[in-house]
C-alpha atoms as a PDB file:
ATOM      1  CA  UNK A   1      21.967 -21.012  -7.431  1.00  0.00           C
ATOM      2  CA  UNK A   2      22.128 -20.266 -11.142  1.00  0.00           C
ATOM      3  CA  UNK A   3      19.001 -22.328 -11.706  1.00  0.00           C
ATOM      4  CA  UNK A   4      17.152 -20.378  -9.004  1.00  0.00           C
ATOM      5  CA  UNK A   5      18.335 -17.084 -10.519  1.00  0.00           C
ATOM      6  CA  UNK A   6      17.070 -18.101 -13.954  1.00  0.00           C
ATOM      7  CA  UNK A   7      13.768 -19.173 -12.444  1.00  0.00           C
ATOM      8  CA  UNK A   8      13.431 -15.816 -10.700  1.00  0.00           C
ATOM      9  CA  UNK A   9      14.202 -13.872 -13.903  1.00  0.00           C
ATOM     10  CA  UNK A  10      11.703 -15.847 -15.949  1.00  0.00           C
ATOM     11  CA  UNK A  11       8.923 -15.380 -13.376  1.00  0.00           C
ATOM     12  CA  UNK A  12       9.711 -11.709 -12.786  1.00  0.00           C
ATOM     13  CA  UNK A  13       9.522 -10.606 -16.434  1.00  0.00           C
ATOM     14  CA  UNK A  14       6.523 -10.080 -18.674  1.00  0.00           C
ATOM     15  CA  UNK A  15       6.419 -12.702 -21.383  1.00  0.00           C
ATOM     16  CA  UNK A  16       3.335 -11.763 -23.496  1.00  0.00           C
ATOM     17  CA  UNK A  17       3.401 -15.098 -25.337  1.00  0.00           C
ATOM     18  CA  UNK A  18       1.252 -17.370 -23.173  1.00  0.00           C
ATOM     19  CA  UNK A  19      -0.039 -14.680 -20.831  1.00  0.00           C
ATOM     20  CA  UNK A  20       1.309 -12.948 -17.742  1.00  0.00           C
ATOM     21  CA  UNK A  21      -0.297 -14.303 -14.552  1.00  0.00           C
ATOM     22  CA  UNK A  22       0.207 -12.051 -11.554  1.00  0.00           C
ATOM     23  CA  UNK A  23       0.976 -15.229  -9.609  1.00  0.00           C
ATOM     24  CA  UNK A  24       4.271 -15.537 -11.518  1.00  0.00           C
ATOM     25  CA  UNK A  25       5.495 -12.223 -10.187  1.00  0.00           C
ATOM     26  CA  UNK A  26       4.364 -13.059  -6.671  1.00  0.00           C
ATOM     27  CA  UNK A  27       6.351 -16.275  -6.846  1.00  0.00           C
ATOM     28  CA  UNK A  28       9.372 -14.347  -8.101  1.00  0.00           C
ATOM     29  CA  UNK A  29       9.102 -11.940  -5.159  1.00  0.00           C
ATOM     30  CA  UNK A  30       8.995 -14.897  -2.755  1.00  0.00           C
ATOM     31  CA  UNK A  31      12.099 -16.394  -4.358  1.00  0.00           C
ATOM     32  CA  UNK A  32      14.022 -13.234  -3.506  1.00  0.00           C
ATOM     33  CA  UNK A  33      13.285 -13.823   0.159  1.00  0.00           C
ATOM     34  CA  UNK A  34      13.668 -17.602   0.086  1.00  0.00           C
ATOM     35  CA  UNK A  35      17.003 -17.785  -1.730  1.00  0.00           C
ATOM     36  CA  UNK A  36      19.643 -15.482  -0.217  1.00  0.00           C
ATOM     37  CA  UNK A  37      22.262 -14.414  -2.765  1.00  0.00           C
ATOM     38  CA  UNK A  38      20.009 -15.137  -5.728  1.00  0.00           C
ATOM     39  CA  UNK A  39      20.510 -11.704  -7.278  1.00  0.00           C
ATOM     40  CA  UNK A  40      24.263 -11.958  -6.963  1.00  0.00           C
ATOM     41  CA  UNK A  41      24.284 -15.187  -8.969  1.00  0.00           C
ATOM     42  CA  UNK A  42      23.243 -13.634 -12.300  1.00  0.00           C
ATOM     43  CA  UNK A  43      23.761 -10.350 -14.127  1.00  0.00           C
ATOM     44  CA  UNK A  44      20.266 -10.793 -15.563  1.00  0.00           C
ATOM     45  CA  UNK A  45      18.722 -11.080 -12.078  1.00  0.00           C
ATOM     46  CA  UNK A  46      20.732  -8.088 -10.892  1.00  0.00           C
ATOM     47  CA  UNK A  47      19.459  -6.116 -13.883  1.00  0.00           C
ATOM     48  CA  UNK A  48      15.814  -7.031 -13.260  1.00  0.00           C
ATOM     49  CA  UNK A  49      15.855  -5.649  -9.716  1.00  0.00           C
ATOM     50  CA  UNK A  50      18.330  -2.850 -10.496  1.00  0.00           C
ATOM     51  CA  UNK A  51      21.022  -4.005  -8.057  1.00  0.00           C
ATOM     52  CA  UNK A  52      23.494  -1.379  -9.157  1.00  0.00           C
ATOM     53  CA  UNK A  53      26.451  -2.458  -7.056  1.00  0.00           C
ATOM     54  CA  UNK A  54      26.253  -6.100  -8.071  1.00  0.00           C
ATOM     55  CA  UNK A  55      25.735  -5.247 -11.724  1.00  0.00           C
ATOM     56  CA  UNK A  56      28.665  -2.804 -11.804  1.00  0.00           C
ATOM     57  CA  UNK A  57      30.946  -5.359 -10.217  1.00  0.00           C
ATOM     58  CA  UNK A  58      29.967  -7.995 -12.753  1.00  0.00           C
ATOM     59  CA  UNK A  59      30.467  -5.623 -15.678  1.00  0.00           C
ATOM     60  CA  UNK A  60      33.875  -4.572 -14.339  1.00  0.00           C
ATOM     61  CA  UNK A  61      34.886  -8.219 -14.212  1.00  0.00           C
ATOM     62  CA  UNK A  62      33.331  -9.151 -17.560  1.00  0.00           C
ATOM     63  CA  UNK A  63      32.485  -6.159 -19.856  1.00  0.00           C
ATOM     64  CA  UNK A  64      30.814  -8.472 -22.378  1.00  0.00           C
ATOM     65  CA  UNK A  65      27.882  -8.979 -20.000  1.00  0.00           C
ATOM     66  CA  UNK A  66      26.482  -5.628 -21.147  1.00  0.00           C
ATOM     67  CA  UNK A  67      25.499  -7.138 -24.496  1.00  0.00           C
ATOM     68  CA  UNK A  68      25.675 -10.916 -23.969  1.00  0.00           C
ATOM     69  CA  UNK A  69      22.447 -12.812 -24.464  1.00  0.00           C
ATOM     70  CA  UNK A  70      21.608 -15.621 -22.115  1.00  0.00           C
ATOM     71  CA  UNK A  71      19.429 -16.531 -19.179  1.00  0.00           C
ATOM     72  CA  UNK A  72      16.064 -18.294 -19.462  1.00  0.00           C
ATOM     73  CA  UNK A  73      14.945 -16.452 -22.626  1.00  0.00           C
ATOM     74  CA  UNK A  74      18.184 -15.755 -24.442  1.00  0.00           C
ATOM     75  CA  UNK A  75      17.856 -12.011 -23.894  1.00  0.00           C
ATOM     76  CA  UNK A  76      20.445  -9.454 -22.911  1.00  0.00           C
ATOM     77  CA  UNK A  77      20.412  -7.718 -19.519  1.00  0.00           C
ATOM     78  CA  UNK A  78      18.692  -4.555 -20.741  1.00  0.00           C
ATOM     79  CA  UNK A  79      15.783  -6.558 -22.102  1.00  0.00           C
ATOM     80  CA  UNK A  80      15.308  -8.392 -18.832  1.00  0.00           C
ATOM     81  CA  UNK A  81      15.491  -5.108 -16.935  1.00  0.00           C
ATOM     82  CA  UNK A  82      12.797  -3.454 -19.073  1.00  0.00           C
ATOM     83  CA  UNK A  83      10.446  -6.437 -18.895  1.00  0.00           C
ATOM     84  CA  UNK A  84      11.038  -6.952 -15.175  1.00  0.00           C
ATOM     85  CA  UNK A  85       8.137  -6.227 -12.868  1.00  0.00           C
ATOM     86  CA  UNK A  86       9.625  -7.346  -9.548  1.00  0.00           C
ATOM     87  CA  UNK A  87      11.668  -4.346  -8.449  1.00  0.00           C
ATOM     88  CA  UNK A  88      11.604  -4.157  -4.640  1.00  0.00           C
ATOM     89  CA  UNK A  89      12.618  -0.875  -3.006  1.00  0.00           C
ATOM     90  CA  UNK A  90      15.908  -1.832  -1.403  1.00  0.00           C
ATOM     91  CA  UNK A  91      19.000   0.195  -0.697  1.00  0.00           C
ATOM     92  CA  UNK A  92      21.182   0.394  -3.809  1.00  0.00           C
ATOM     93  CA  UNK A  93      18.503  -1.032  -6.124  1.00  0.00           C
ATOM     94  CA  UNK A  94      17.417   1.298  -8.923  1.00  0.00           C
ATOM     95  CA  UNK A  95      16.379  -0.083 -12.304  1.00  0.00           C
ATOM     96  CA  UNK A  96      16.770   3.286 -14.064  1.00  0.00           C
ATOM     97  CA  UNK A  97      20.318   3.704 -12.807  1.00  0.00           C
ATOM     98  CA  UNK A  98      21.063   0.097 -13.788  1.00  0.00           C
ATOM     99  CA  UNK A  99      19.738   0.727 -17.306  1.00  0.00           C
ATOM    100  CA  UNK A 100      21.902   3.849 -17.590  1.00  0.00           C
ATOM    101  CA  UNK A 101      24.932   1.800 -16.487  1.00  0.00           C
ATOM    102  CA  UNK A 102      24.253  -0.894 -19.074  1.00  0.00           C
ATOM    103  CA  UNK A 103      23.930   1.709 -21.828  1.00  0.00           C
ATOM    104  CA  UNK A 104      27.172   3.354 -20.709  1.00  0.00           C
ATOM    105  CA  UNK A 105      28.863  -0.038 -20.961  1.00  0.00           C
ATOM    106  CA  UNK A 106      27.651  -0.631 -24.527  1.00  0.00           C
ATOM    107  CA  UNK A 107      24.137  -2.093 -24.290  1.00  0.00           C
ATOM    108  CA  UNK A 108      22.039  -1.541 -27.416  1.00  0.00           C
ATOM    109  CA  UNK A 109      19.092   0.846 -26.700  1.00  0.00           C
ATOM    110  CA  UNK A 110      17.200  -0.797 -29.563  1.00  0.00           C
ATOM    111  CA  UNK A 111      17.688  -4.352 -28.326  1.00  0.00           C
ATOM    112  CA  UNK A 112      14.752  -6.618 -29.145  1.00  0.00           C
ATOM    113  CA  UNK A 113      13.313 -10.066 -29.464  1.00  0.00           C
ATOM    114  CA  UNK A 114      10.994 -11.546 -32.078  1.00  0.00           C
ATOM    115  CA  UNK A 115       7.869 -13.248 -30.765  1.00  0.00           C
ATOM    116  CA  UNK A 116       6.037 -15.848 -32.811  1.00  0.00           C
ATOM    117  CA  UNK A 117       8.466 -15.078 -35.651  1.00  0.00           C
ATOM    118  CA  UNK A 118       6.491 -11.881 -36.380  1.00  0.00           C
ATOM    119  CA  UNK A 119       6.187  -9.400 -33.547  1.00  0.00           C
ATOM    120  CA  UNK A 120       9.109  -7.154 -32.649  1.00  0.00           C
ATOM    121  CA  UNK A 121       9.277  -6.516 -28.907  1.00  0.00           C
ATOM    122  CA  UNK A 122      11.998  -4.009 -28.012  1.00  0.00           C
ATOM    123  CA  UNK A 123      13.338  -2.948 -24.630  1.00  0.00           C
ATOM    124  CA  UNK A 124      11.148   0.154 -24.869  1.00  0.00           C
ATOM    125  CA  UNK A 125       8.110  -2.042 -25.579  1.00  0.00           C
ATOM    126  CA  UNK A 126       8.842  -3.864 -22.358  1.00  0.00           C
ATOM    127  CA  UNK A 127       9.233  -0.707 -20.314  1.00  0.00           C
ATOM    128  CA  UNK A 128       5.914   0.664 -21.589  1.00  0.00           C
ATOM    129  CA  UNK A 129       4.014  -2.570 -20.893  1.00  0.00           C
ATOM    130  CA  UNK A 130       0.242  -2.956 -21.341  1.00  0.00           C
ATOM    131  CA  UNK A 131      -1.295  -5.089 -24.065  1.00  0.00           C
ATOM    132  CA  UNK A 132      -4.165  -7.460 -24.663  1.00  0.00           C
ATOM    133  CA  UNK A 133      -3.807  -8.886 -21.156  1.00  0.00           C
ATOM    134  CA  UNK A 134      -4.687  -5.539 -19.601  1.00  0.00           C
ATOM    135  CA  UNK A 135      -2.918  -3.273 -17.135  1.00  0.00           C
ATOM    136  CA  UNK A 136      -3.104  -5.695 -14.204  1.00  0.00           C
ATOM    137  CA  UNK A 137      -1.484  -8.625 -15.987  1.00  0.00           C
ATOM    138  CA  UNK A 138       0.840  -6.452 -18.073  1.00  0.00           C
ATOM    139  CA  UNK A 139       1.508  -3.245 -16.142  1.00  0.00           C
ATOM    140  CA  UNK A 140       4.059  -0.647 -17.182  1.00  0.00           C
ATOM    141  CA  UNK A 141       7.452  -0.759 -15.518  1.00  0.00           C
ATOM    142  CA  UNK A 142       7.444   1.279 -12.277  1.00  0.00           C
ATOM    143  CA  UNK A 143       9.926   3.645 -13.970  1.00  0.00           C
ATOM    144  CA  UNK A 144       8.380   3.336 -17.427  1.00  0.00           C
ATOM    145  CA  UNK A 145       8.467   6.950 -18.580  1.00  0.00           C
ATOM    146  CA  UNK A 146      12.032   7.580 -17.407  1.00  0.00           C
ATOM    147  CA  UNK A 147      13.207   4.311 -18.945  1.00  0.00           C
ATOM    148  CA  UNK A 148      11.525   5.109 -22.269  1.00  0.00           C
ATOM    149  CA  UNK A 149      13.104   8.566 -22.418  1.00  0.00           C
ATOM    150  CA  UNK A 150      16.490   7.128 -21.465  1.00  0.00           C
ATOM    151  CA  UNK A 151      16.298   4.579 -24.294  1.00  0.00           C
ATOM    152  CA  UNK A 152      15.183   7.194 -26.829  1.00  0.00           C
ATOM    153  CA  UNK A 153      17.920   9.571 -25.734  1.00  0.00           C
ATOM    154  CA  UNK A 154      20.417   6.752 -26.219  1.00  0.00           C
ATOM    155  CA  UNK A 155      19.261   6.084 -29.784  1.00  0.00           C
ATOM    156  CA  UNK A 156      16.198   3.814 -29.713  1.00  0.00           C
ATOM    157  CA  UNK A 157      14.156   4.414 -32.891  1.00  0.00           C
ATOM    158  CA  UNK A 158      10.566   5.569 -32.230  1.00  0.00           C
ATOM    159  CA  UNK A 159       9.620   4.084 -35.611  1.00  0.00           C
ATOM    160  CA  UNK A 160      10.395   0.589 -34.315  1.00  0.00           C
ATOM    161  CA  UNK A 161       7.724   0.875 -31.637  1.00  0.00           C
ATOM    162  CA  UNK A 162       4.528  -0.193 -33.398  1.00  0.00           C
ATOM    163  CA  UNK A 163       4.195  -3.039 -30.872  1.00  0.00           C
ATOM    164  CA  UNK A 164       4.386  -0.574 -27.975  1.00  0.00           C
ATOM    165  CA  UNK A 165       1.756   1.571 -29.671  1.00  0.00           C
ATOM    166  CA  UNK A 166      -0.435  -1.475 -30.218  1.00  0.00           C
ATOM    167  CA  UNK A 167      -0.050  -2.529 -26.598  1.00  0.00           C
ATOM    168  CA  UNK A 168      -1.069   0.901 -25.321  1.00  0.00           C
ATOM    169  CA  UNK A 169      -3.865   1.690 -27.772  1.00  0.00           C
ATOM    170  CA  UNK A 170      -6.552   0.020 -25.648  1.00  0.00           C
ATOM    171  CA  UNK A 171      -6.476   2.849 -23.081  1.00  0.00           C
ATOM    172  CA  UNK A 172      -7.569   6.432 -23.673  1.00  0.00           C
ATOM    173  CA  UNK A 173      -4.271   8.020 -22.624  1.00  0.00           C
ATOM    174  CA  UNK A 174      -2.109   9.399 -25.448  1.00  0.00           C
ATOM    175  CA  UNK A 175       1.062   9.588 -23.352  1.00  0.00           C
ATOM    176  CA  UNK A 176       3.131   7.094 -25.316  1.00  0.00           C
ATOM    177  CA  UNK A 177       1.893   8.145 -28.740  1.00  0.00           C
ATOM    178  CA  UNK A 178       2.690  11.772 -27.921  1.00  0.00           C
ATOM    179  CA  UNK A 179       6.171  10.834 -26.685  1.00  0.00           C
ATOM    180  CA  UNK A 180       7.038   8.854 -29.801  1.00  0.00           C
ATOM    181  CA  UNK A 181       5.624  11.532 -32.111  1.00  0.00           C
ATOM    182  CA  UNK A 182       7.747  14.117 -30.330  1.00  0.00           C
ATOM    183  CA  UNK A 183      10.803  11.923 -30.933  1.00  0.00           C
ATOM    184  CA  UNK A 184      10.292  11.445 -34.675  1.00  0.00           C
ATOM    185  CA  UNK A 185       7.597   8.807 -35.266  1.00  0.00           C
ATOM    186  CA  UNK A 186       6.706   9.124 -38.959  1.00  0.00           C
ATOM    187  CA  UNK A 187       3.231   8.849 -40.462  1.00  0.00           C
ATOM    188  CA  UNK A 188       4.237   6.532 -43.296  1.00  0.00           C
ATOM    189  CA  UNK A 189       6.221   3.949 -41.325  1.00  0.00           C
ATOM    190  CA  UNK A 190       4.417   0.599 -41.753  1.00  0.00           C
ATOM    191  CA  UNK A 191       3.576  -1.857 -38.997  1.00  0.00           C
ATOM    192  CA  UNK A 192       5.937  -4.822 -39.052  1.00  0.00           C
ATOM    193  CA  UNK A 193       3.344  -7.487 -38.311  1.00  0.00           C
ATOM    194  CA  UNK A 194       0.826  -7.180 -41.159  1.00  0.00           C
ATOM    195  CA  UNK A 195       1.320  -8.347 -44.744  1.00  0.00           C
ATOM    196  CA  UNK A 196      -0.535  -5.259 -45.966  1.00  0.00           C
ATOM    197  CA  UNK A 197       2.172  -3.075 -44.343  1.00  0.00           C
ATOM    198  CA  UNK A 198      -0.363  -0.491 -43.258  1.00  0.00           C
ATOM    199  CA  UNK A 199       1.274   2.634 -41.810  1.00  0.00           C
ATOM    200  CA  UNK A 200       1.281   2.591 -38.017  1.00  0.00           C
ATOM    201  CA  UNK A 201      -0.615   5.870 -37.676  1.00  0.00           C
ATOM    202  CA  UNK A 202      -3.265   4.673 -40.129  1.00  0.00           C
ATOM    203  CA  UNK A 203      -3.729   1.486 -38.131  1.00  0.00           C
ATOM    204  CA  UNK A 204      -4.113   3.492 -34.935  1.00  0.00           C
ATOM    205  CA  UNK A 205      -6.559   5.856 -36.606  1.00  0.00           C
ATOM    206  CA  UNK A 206      -8.838   2.998 -37.581  1.00  0.00           C
ATOM    207  CA  UNK A 207      -9.020   1.498 -34.107  1.00  0.00           C
ATOM    208  CA  UNK A 208      -9.278   4.935 -32.460  1.00  0.00           C
ATOM    209  CA  UNK A 209     -12.290   5.810 -34.621  1.00  0.00           C
ATOM    210  CA  UNK A 210     -13.938   2.564 -33.543  1.00  0.00           C
ATOM    211  CA  UNK A 211     -13.142   3.209 -29.879  1.00  0.00           C
ATOM    212  CA  UNK A 212     -14.447   6.746 -30.000  1.00  0.00           C
ATOM    213  CA  UNK A 213     -11.149   8.261 -28.820  1.00  0.00           C
ATOM    214  CA  UNK A 214     -11.695  11.696 -30.350  1.00  0.00           C
ATOM    215  CA  UNK A 215      -8.557  13.319 -28.930  1.00  0.00           C
ATOM    216  CA  UNK A 216      -6.410  10.539 -30.361  1.00  0.00           C
ATOM    217  CA  UNK A 217      -8.131  10.751 -33.737  1.00  0.00           C
ATOM    218  CA  UNK A 218      -7.382  14.479 -33.832  1.00  0.00           C
ATOM    219  CA  UNK A 219      -3.750  13.858 -32.830  1.00  0.00           C
ATOM    220  CA  UNK A 220      -3.260  11.211 -35.494  1.00  0.00           C
ATOM    221  CA  UNK A 221      -4.862  13.289 -38.227  1.00  0.00           C
ATOM    222  CA  UNK A 222      -2.695  16.251 -37.240  1.00  0.00           C
ATOM    223  CA  UNK A 223       0.392  14.084 -37.726  1.00  0.00           C
ATOM    224  CA  UNK A 224      -0.480  12.713 -41.150  1.00  0.00           C
ATOM    225  CA  UNK A 225      -2.771   9.731 -40.677  1.00  0.00           C
ATOM    226  CA  UNK A 226      -5.049   9.302 -43.709  1.00  0.00           C
ATOM    227  CA  UNK A 227      -8.639  10.376 -43.007  1.00  0.00           C
ATOM    228  CA  UNK A 228      -9.822   8.681 -46.198  1.00  0.00           C
ATOM    229  CA  UNK A 229      -8.346   5.306 -45.231  1.00  0.00           C
ATOM    230  CA  UNK A 230     -10.004   2.087 -44.109  1.00  0.00           C
ATOM    231  CA  UNK A 231      -9.988   0.235 -40.807  1.00  0.00           C
ATOM    232  CA  UNK A 232      -7.551  -2.679 -40.646  1.00  0.00           C
ATOM    233  CA  UNK A 233     -10.036  -5.308 -39.441  1.00  0.00           C
ATOM    234  CA  UNK A 234     -13.398  -4.631 -41.092  1.00  0.00           C
ATOM    235  CA  UNK A 235     -11.981  -2.725 -44.105  1.00  0.00           C
ATOM    236  CA  UNK A 236     -14.687  -0.089 -43.939  1.00  0.00           C
ATOM    237  CA  UNK A 237     -13.846   3.589 -44.517  1.00  0.00           C
ATOM    238  CA  UNK A 238     -13.150   5.434 -41.265  1.00  0.00           C
ATOM    239  CA  UNK A 239     -16.047   7.831 -41.848  1.00  0.00           C
ATOM    240  CA  UNK A 240     -18.494   4.959 -42.201  1.00  0.00           C
ATOM    241  CA  UNK A 241     -17.228   3.345 -39.003  1.00  0.00           C
ATOM    242  CA  UNK A 242     -17.582   6.614 -37.120  1.00  0.00           C
ATOM    243  CA  UNK A 243     -21.193   6.994 -38.209  1.00  0.00           C
ATOM    244  CA  UNK A 244     -22.092   3.382 -37.440  1.00  0.00           C
ATOM    245  CA  UNK A 245     -20.684   3.753 -33.924  1.00  0.00           C
ATOM    246  CA  UNK A 246     -22.463   7.041 -33.305  1.00  0.00           C
ATOM    247  CA  UNK A 247     -19.246   9.065 -33.125  1.00  0.00           C
ATOM    248  CA  UNK A 248     -20.631  12.093 -34.957  1.00  0.00           C
ATOM    249  CA  UNK A 249     -17.904  14.513 -33.857  1.00  0.00           C
ATOM    250  CA  UNK A 250     -15.235  12.115 -35.079  1.00  0.00           C
ATOM    251  CA  UNK A 251     -17.120  11.741 -38.368  1.00  0.00           C
ATOM    252  CA  UNK A 252     -17.101  15.522 -38.795  1.00  0.00           C
ATOM    253  CA  UNK A 253     -13.398  15.661 -37.916  1.00  0.00           C
ATOM    254  CA  UNK A 254     -12.622  13.085 -40.587  1.00  0.00           C
ATOM    255  CA  UNK A 255     -14.552  15.066 -43.191  1.00  0.00           C
ATOM    256  CA  UNK A 256     -12.588  18.193 -42.318  1.00  0.00           C
ATOM    257  CA  UNK A 257      -9.378  16.260 -42.977  1.00  0.00           C
ATOM    258  CA  UNK A 258     -10.429  15.042 -46.409  1.00  0.00           C
ATOM    259  CA  UNK A 259     -12.488  11.909 -45.860  1.00  0.00           C
ATOM    260  CA  UNK A 260     -15.243  11.227 -48.398  1.00  0.00           C
ATOM    261  CA  UNK A 261     -18.780  11.125 -46.942  1.00  0.00           C
ATOM    262  CA  UNK A 262     -19.891   7.547 -46.445  1.00  0.00           C
ATOM    263  CA  UNK A 263     -22.772   6.261 -48.571  1.00  0.00           C
ATOM    264  CA  UNK A 264     -24.876   4.394 -46.028  1.00  0.00           C
ATOM    265  CA  UNK A 265     -27.600   1.899 -46.885  1.00  0.00           C
ATOM    266  CA  UNK A 266     -31.074   2.540 -45.368  1.00  0.00           C
ATOM    267  CA  UNK A 267     -30.328  -0.044 -42.654  1.00  0.00           C
ATOM    268  CA  UNK A 268     -27.046   1.667 -41.852  1.00  0.00           C
ATOM    269  CA  UNK A 269     -28.731   5.076 -41.844  1.00  0.00           C
ATOM    270  CA  UNK A 270     -31.209   3.761 -39.279  1.00  0.00           C
ATOM    271  CA  UNK A 271     -28.439   2.383 -37.103  1.00  0.00           C
ATOM    272  CA  UNK A 272     -26.560   5.708 -37.284  1.00  0.00           C
ATOM    273  CA  UNK A 273     -29.731   7.617 -36.400  1.00  0.00           C
ATOM    274  CA  UNK A 274     -30.358   5.419 -33.354  1.00  0.00           C
ATOM    275  CA  UNK A 275     -26.766   5.812 -32.151  1.00  0.00           C
ATOM    276  CA  UNK A 276     -26.828   9.591 -32.385  1.00  0.00           C
ATOM    277  CA  UNK A 277     -30.297   9.564 -30.752  1.00  0.00           C
ATOM    278  CA  UNK A 278     -31.910  11.379 -33.683  1.00  0.00           C
ATOM    279  CA  UNK A 279     -35.546  10.696 -32.877  1.00  0.00           C
ATOM    280  CA  UNK A 280     -37.001  12.423 -35.930  1.00  0.00           C
ATOM    281  CA  UNK A 281     -34.729  10.527 -38.335  1.00  0.00           C
ATOM    282  CA  UNK A 282     -35.473   7.208 -36.619  1.00  0.00           C
ATOM    283  CA  UNK A 283     -39.209   7.817 -37.037  1.00  0.00           C
ATOM    284  CA  UNK A 284     -38.823   8.786 -40.658  1.00  0.00           C
ATOM    285  CA  UNK A 285     -36.698   5.776 -41.557  1.00  0.00           C
ATOM    286  CA  UNK A 286     -38.844   3.369 -39.507  1.00  0.00           C
ATOM    287  CA  UNK A 287     -42.035   4.385 -41.339  1.00  0.00           C
ATOM    288  CA  UNK A 288     -41.358   1.682 -43.952  1.00  0.00           C
ATOM    289  CA  UNK A 289     -39.738  -1.776 -43.668  1.00  0.00           C
ATOM    290  CA  UNK A 290     -35.957  -1.757 -44.182  1.00  0.00           C
ATOM    291  CA  UNK A 291     -34.110  -4.749 -45.559  1.00  0.00           C
ATOM    292  CA  UNK A 292     -31.138  -5.727 -43.410  1.00  0.00           C
ATOM    293  CA  UNK A 293     -32.305  -3.821 -40.329  1.00  0.00           C
ATOM    294  CA  UNK A 294     -30.202  -5.051 -37.394  1.00  0.00           C
ATOM    295  CA  UNK A 295     -31.498  -3.841 -34.062  1.00  0.00           C
ATOM    296  CA  UNK A 296     -29.433  -6.438 -32.187  1.00  0.00           C
ATOM    297  CA  UNK A 297     -26.209  -5.155 -33.738  1.00  0.00           C
ATOM    298  CA  UNK A 298     -27.331  -1.617 -33.031  1.00  0.00           C
ATOM    299  CA  UNK A 299     -27.989  -2.246 -29.344  1.00  0.00           C
ATOM    300  CA  UNK A 300     -24.629  -3.996 -29.019  1.00  0.00           C
ATOM    301  CA  UNK A 301     -22.937  -0.931 -30.479  1.00  0.00           C
ATOM    302  CA  UNK A 302     -24.976   1.362 -28.236  1.00  0.00           C
ATOM    303  CA  UNK A 303     -24.015  -0.603 -25.133  1.00  0.00           C
ATOM    304  CA  UNK A 304     -20.363  -0.751 -26.160  1.00  0.00           C
ATOM    305  CA  UNK A 305     -20.121   2.994 -26.558  1.00  0.00           C
ATOM    306  CA  UNK A 306     -22.403   4.018 -23.695  1.00  0.00           C
ATOM    307  CA  UNK A 307     -25.231   5.350 -25.860  1.00  0.00           C
ATOM    308  CA  UNK A 308     -27.976   5.176 -23.234  1.00  0.00           C
ATOM    309  CA  UNK A 309     -30.384   7.311 -25.241  1.00  0.00           C
ATOM    310  CA  UNK A 310     -30.070   4.904 -28.163  1.00  0.00           C
ATOM    311  CA  UNK A 311     -30.753   1.914 -25.929  1.00  0.00           C
ATOM    312  CA  UNK A 312     -33.930   3.567 -24.646  1.00  0.00           C
ATOM    313  CA  UNK A 313     -35.106   4.320 -28.183  1.00  0.00           C
ATOM    314  CA  UNK A 314     -34.688   0.795 -29.494  1.00  0.00           C
ATOM    315  CA  UNK A 315     -37.730  -1.488 -29.433  1.00  0.00           C
ATOM    316  CA  UNK A 316     -37.872  -4.227 -26.732  1.00  0.00           C
ATOM    317  CA  UNK A 317     -37.448  -7.007 -29.328  1.00  0.00           C
ATOM    318  CA  UNK A 318     -33.907  -5.692 -29.928  1.00  0.00           C
ATOM    319  CA  UNK A 319     -32.699  -7.390 -26.763  1.00  0.00           C
ATOM    320  CA  UNK A 320     -34.410 -10.734 -27.359  1.00  0.00           C
ATOM    321  CA  UNK A 321     -32.271 -13.754 -28.074  1.00  0.00           C
ATOM    322  CA  UNK A 322     -31.358 -14.308 -31.686  1.00  0.00           C
ATOM    323  CA  UNK A 323     -29.936 -17.653 -32.802  1.00  0.00           C
END
């Protein structure tokens, strides 16, 4: 029975390393039906589904279970609960109430694991979910917001959540960033996974400029992100990236917050003119040959950011195959 319980826990929880097939969670749900008593065999399984009665009984009998690490991943019960995504609606099962019970019995609200010897994944990271796998493979916990607030109220440090912020930065919603900022996330706190130790808000600003998430750019700048900084991946100034992606309003916002105007080459000026659909400037710049002109790169950027007017302006050869 213990082996089946461990199998259930491992299949039911997001793992991030190695991917998160939906089929794993479906198999975990089937195990609940196929193996009667499975949840009662393990405090970790009881925590995943939020079986409050079973978990309370186990903690009464063995208080150390609130903090003891074990199970298939060597985690504590609160970690398994927050990464669990198989939480059937059954009488007496409530993951939020189970998390509250664990915290009352001494569980650490900042409990964590280290993935690939670099990335800090906390209980809150697990509750929030999302990531490179997308919202289907790595959905938030069904009680994500309430769990996150419970953990923060209990003492989880919002400045330890750069992984959660990374995982959620792909979507346009600012829910999690706003929550962590309201709980004390600081502008200068560096990410824990980059040797450059770039501040978390500066990292987010760079990718948000590239994505064209204007509301998030404004939020980050208002909370101390550096407008004059550079993007983490391509090392270009944020203002230059905004212009080259056609995000003119973001470019203006950066200037208002102290960014230096980017000095664009003629080829870059042409790309920026296409992306903002400035017909007169495109004609002026196209009147003479331009070294380094890259219509293919321009049309890729236009398609990525939905610049239909720019796509229509580009010459047909822009979409031809280039080796």
